[in-house]
């Protein structure tokens, strides 16, 4: 009986060690708040994750314009 218990323990530990890093990365990504353009484009998201300063230099102004347009759109209260 102890050999069977030991096998279950080893399998359980392997599962825990395999899924812990994946779960922690998923939790970190859920807490991220990417810029609006990076949130909708995989290429821009990868650039933002790897080098946020380069992303800001290339797309920062476009993000500001996008946010301004969205705020004006929300303020106008366009009817459906």
N, C-alpha and C. Protein backbone atom coordinates (compact mmCIF):
# COMPACT_ATOMS: atom_id res chain seq x y z
N UNK A 1 0.82 -1.20 0.00
CA UNK A 1 0.00 0.00 0.00
C UNK A 1 0.86 1.25 0.00
N UNK A 2 1.99 1.25 0.64
CA UNK A 2 2.83 2.44 0.70
C UNK A 2 3.46 2.74 -0.66
N UNK A 3 3.73 1.70 -1.47
CA UNK A 3 4.28 1.96 -2.81
C UNK A 3 3.26 2.69 -3.67
N UNK A 4 2.00 2.30 -3.56
CA UNK A 4 0.95 2.96 -4.33
C UNK A 4 0.78 4.41 -3.87
N UNK A 5 0.83 4.62 -2.58
CA UNK A 5 0.73 5.97 -2.03
C UNK A 5 1.90 6.83 -2.50
N UNK A 6 3.08 6.24 -2.53
CA UNK A 6 4.28 6.95 -2.99
C UNK A 6 4.15 7.33 -4.46
N UNK A 7 3.60 6.44 -5.27
CA UNK A 7 3.41 6.74 -6.69
C UNK A 7 2.45 7.91 -6.87
N UNK A 8 1.34 7.89 -6.11
CA UNK A 8 0.40 9.00 -6.19
C UNK A 8 1.03 10.32 -5.74
N UNK A 9 1.84 10.25 -4.73
CA UNK A 9 2.52 11.44 -4.22
C UNK A 9 3.48 12.01 -5.27
N UNK A 10 4.23 11.13 -5.92
CA UNK A 10 5.17 11.58 -6.96
C UNK A 10 4.42 12.20 -8.13
N UNK A 11 3.34 11.57 -8.57
CA UNK A 11 2.55 12.11 -9.67
C UNK A 11 1.95 13.46 -9.28
N UNK A 12 1.45 13.55 -8.07
CA UNK A 12 0.88 14.82 -7.59
C UNK A 12 1.92 15.93 -7.56
N UNK A 13 3.11 15.62 -7.09
CA UNK A 13 4.18 16.63 -7.06
C UNK A 13 4.58 17.05 -8.47
N UNK A 14 4.66 16.11 -9.39
CA UNK A 14 4.98 16.45 -10.79
C UNK A 14 3.92 17.38 -11.38
N UNK A 15 2.67 17.10 -11.09
CA UNK A 15 1.60 17.96 -11.60
C UNK A 15 1.71 19.36 -11.00
N UNK A 16 1.96 19.44 -9.72
CA UNK A 16 2.10 20.74 -9.06
C UNK A 16 3.27 21.53 -9.64
N UNK A 17 4.42 20.86 -9.81
CA UNK A 17 5.59 21.56 -10.35
C UNK A 17 5.40 21.94 -11.82
N UNK A 18 4.61 21.18 -12.54
CA UNK A 18 4.40 21.49 -13.96
C UNK A 18 3.45 22.66 -14.13
N UNK A 19 2.40 22.75 -13.32
CA UNK A 19 1.37 23.75 -13.55
C UNK A 19 1.53 25.02 -12.73
N UNK A 20 2.38 25.04 -11.75
CA UNK A 20 2.56 26.25 -10.94
C UNK A 20 3.10 27.43 -11.77
N UNK A 21 4.18 27.25 -12.56
CA UNK A 21 4.66 28.40 -13.34
C UNK A 21 3.65 28.90 -14.37
N UNK A 22 2.93 27.98 -14.98
CA UNK A 22 1.93 28.37 -15.97
C UNK A 22 0.82 29.18 -15.31
N UNK A 23 0.38 28.74 -14.17
CA UNK A 23 -0.68 29.43 -13.45
C UNK A 23 -0.23 30.81 -12.99
N UNK A 24 0.98 30.91 -12.47
CA UNK A 24 1.49 32.21 -12.01
C UNK A 24 1.62 33.19 -13.17
N UNK A 25 2.09 32.72 -14.34
CA UNK A 25 2.19 33.60 -15.50
C UNK A 25 0.82 34.07 -15.95
N UNK A 26 -0.17 33.20 -15.91
CA UNK A 26 -1.52 33.59 -16.30
C UNK A 26 -2.07 34.64 -15.35
N UNK A 27 -1.81 34.50 -14.08
CA UNK A 27 -2.28 35.49 -13.10
C UNK A 27 -1.60 36.84 -13.34
N UNK A 28 -0.30 36.83 -13.64
CA UNK A 28 0.42 38.08 -13.91
C UNK A 28 -0.14 38.77 -15.14
N UNK A 29 -0.44 38.00 -16.19
CA UNK A 29 -0.95 38.60 -17.42
C UNK A 29 -2.34 39.19 -17.23
N UNK A 30 -3.14 38.61 -16.37
CA UNK A 30 -4.48 39.15 -16.13
C UNK A 30 -4.40 40.51 -15.44
N UNK A 31 -3.35 40.72 -14.65
CA UNK A 31 -3.19 41.97 -13.92
C UNK A 31 -2.59 43.08 -14.78
N UNK A 32 -2.02 42.73 -15.94
CA UNK A 32 -1.41 43.73 -16.80
C UNK A 32 -2.48 44.66 -17.39
N UNK A 33 -2.06 45.86 -17.69
CA UNK A 33 -2.95 46.83 -18.31
C UNK A 33 -2.23 47.41 -19.53
N UNK A 34 -2.25 46.71 -20.66
CA UNK A 34 -1.53 47.21 -21.83
C UNK A 34 -2.22 48.43 -22.44
N UNK A 35 -1.48 49.23 -23.18
CA UNK A 35 -2.08 50.37 -23.88
C UNK A 35 -3.16 49.89 -24.85
N UNK A 36 -4.07 50.77 -25.24
CA UNK A 36 -5.21 50.33 -26.05
C UNK A 36 -4.84 49.65 -27.37
N UNK A 37 -3.87 50.18 -28.07
CA UNK A 37 -3.50 49.56 -29.34
C UNK A 37 -2.82 48.21 -29.12
N UNK A 38 -2.03 48.10 -28.08
CA UNK A 38 -1.35 46.85 -27.79
C UNK A 38 -2.34 45.78 -27.30
N UNK A 39 -3.42 46.21 -26.71
CA UNK A 39 -4.41 45.26 -26.22
C UNK A 39 -5.13 44.57 -27.37
N UNK A 40 -5.16 45.21 -28.53
CA UNK A 40 -5.91 44.68 -29.67
C UNK A 40 -5.04 44.11 -30.78
N UNK A 41 -3.74 44.14 -30.63
CA UNK A 41 -2.84 43.70 -31.69
C UNK A 41 -1.72 42.86 -31.08
N UNK A 42 -1.58 41.64 -31.53
CA UNK A 42 -0.59 40.73 -30.95
C UNK A 42 0.84 41.23 -31.16
N UNK A 43 1.13 41.76 -32.34
CA UNK A 43 2.48 42.26 -32.62
C UNK A 43 2.84 43.42 -31.69
N UNK A 44 1.91 44.35 -31.53
CA UNK A 44 2.16 45.49 -30.65
C UNK A 44 2.25 45.06 -29.20
N UNK A 45 1.45 44.07 -28.82
CA UNK A 45 1.50 43.56 -27.44
C UNK A 45 2.87 42.95 -27.15
N UNK A 46 3.39 42.20 -28.09
CA UNK A 46 4.72 41.61 -27.90
C UNK A 46 5.79 42.68 -27.79
N UNK A 47 5.68 43.71 -28.62
CA UNK A 47 6.64 44.82 -28.54
C UNK A 47 6.53 45.51 -27.19
N UNK A 48 5.31 45.75 -26.73
CA UNK A 48 5.10 46.41 -25.44
C UNK A 48 5.66 45.58 -24.30
N UNK A 49 5.49 44.26 -24.35
CA UNK A 49 6.01 43.39 -23.29
C UNK A 49 7.54 43.33 -23.32
N UNK A 50 8.13 43.30 -24.51
CA UNK A 50 9.58 43.15 -24.59
C UNK A 50 10.31 44.47 -24.35
N UNK A 51 9.77 45.57 -24.88
CA UNK A 51 10.45 46.87 -24.74
C UNK A 51 9.41 47.99 -24.66
N UNK A 52 8.91 48.27 -23.47
CA UNK A 52 7.86 49.29 -23.33
C UNK A 52 8.29 50.68 -23.81
N UNK A 53 9.57 51.01 -23.66
CA UNK A 53 10.03 52.32 -24.09
C UNK A 53 9.98 52.46 -25.61
N UNK A 54 10.38 51.41 -26.32
CA UNK A 54 10.32 51.44 -27.78
C UNK A 54 8.87 51.54 -28.24
N UNK A 55 7.99 50.82 -27.58
CA UNK A 55 6.56 50.91 -27.92
C UNK A 55 6.07 52.34 -27.72
N UNK A 56 6.44 52.94 -26.61
CA UNK A 56 6.00 54.31 -26.31
C UNK A 56 6.51 55.29 -27.35
N UNK A 57 7.77 55.13 -27.78
CA UNK A 57 8.32 56.02 -28.80
C UNK A 57 7.56 55.89 -30.11
N UNK A 58 7.23 54.66 -30.50
CA UNK A 58 6.63 54.44 -31.82
C UNK A 58 5.12 54.67 -31.82
N UNK A 59 4.43 54.27 -30.77
CA UNK A 59 2.97 54.27 -30.80
C UNK A 59 2.32 55.10 -29.70
N UNK A 60 3.11 55.77 -28.89
CA UNK A 60 2.55 56.53 -27.78
C UNK A 60 1.61 57.63 -28.23
N UNK A 61 1.99 58.36 -29.25
CA UNK A 61 1.15 59.46 -29.75
C UNK A 61 -0.16 58.92 -30.33
N UNK A 62 -0.09 57.81 -31.03
CA UNK A 62 -1.30 57.21 -31.60
C UNK A 62 -2.23 56.72 -30.49
N UNK A 63 -1.67 56.21 -29.41
CA UNK A 63 -2.49 55.78 -28.28
C UNK A 63 -3.22 56.97 -27.66
N UNK A 64 -2.51 58.09 -27.53
CA UNK A 64 -3.14 59.29 -26.97
C UNK A 64 -4.31 59.76 -27.84
N UNK A 65 -4.10 59.77 -29.16
CA UNK A 65 -5.16 60.18 -30.07
C UNK A 65 -6.34 59.22 -29.99
N UNK A 66 -6.05 57.93 -29.88
CA UNK A 66 -7.11 56.92 -29.77
C UNK A 66 -7.93 57.14 -28.50
N UNK A 67 -7.25 57.38 -27.39
CA UNK A 67 -7.96 57.61 -26.13
C UNK A 67 -8.81 58.89 -26.18
N UNK A 68 -8.26 59.94 -26.82
CA UNK A 68 -9.03 61.17 -26.97
C UNK A 68 -10.29 60.93 -27.81
N UNK A 69 -10.14 60.20 -28.90
CA UNK A 69 -11.29 59.92 -29.77
C UNK A 69 -12.33 59.09 -29.02
N UNK A 70 -11.88 58.14 -28.21
CA UNK A 70 -12.83 57.32 -27.46
C UNK A 70 -13.55 58.15 -26.40
N UNK A 71 -12.83 59.08 -25.76
CA UNK A 71 -13.49 59.90 -24.73
C UNK A 71 -14.49 60.86 -25.38
N UNK A 72 -14.16 61.42 -26.55
CA UNK A 72 -15.10 62.29 -27.25
C UNK A 72 -16.31 61.50 -27.72
N UNK A 73 -16.09 60.30 -28.18
CA UNK A 73 -17.19 59.45 -28.63
C UNK A 73 -18.13 59.16 -27.47
N UNK A 74 -17.57 58.91 -26.29
CA UNK A 74 -18.39 58.64 -25.12
C UNK A 74 -19.12 59.88 -24.64
N UNK A 75 -18.52 61.07 -24.80
CA UNK A 75 -19.15 62.30 -24.36
C UNK A 75 -20.27 62.74 -25.30
N UNK A 76 -20.10 62.45 -26.57
CA UNK A 76 -21.11 62.86 -27.56
C UNK A 76 -22.43 62.11 -27.34
N UNK A 77 -22.36 60.92 -26.83
CA UNK A 77 -23.59 60.13 -26.59
C UNK A 77 -24.31 59.85 -27.88
N UNK A 78 -23.60 59.30 -28.86
CA UNK A 78 -24.19 59.02 -30.15
C UNK A 78 -25.38 58.08 -30.02
N UNK A 79 -26.52 58.47 -30.61
CA UNK A 79 -27.69 57.58 -30.55
C UNK A 79 -27.49 56.38 -31.47
N UNK A 80 -28.17 55.29 -31.12
CA UNK A 80 -28.07 54.08 -31.95
C UNK A 80 -28.92 54.15 -33.17
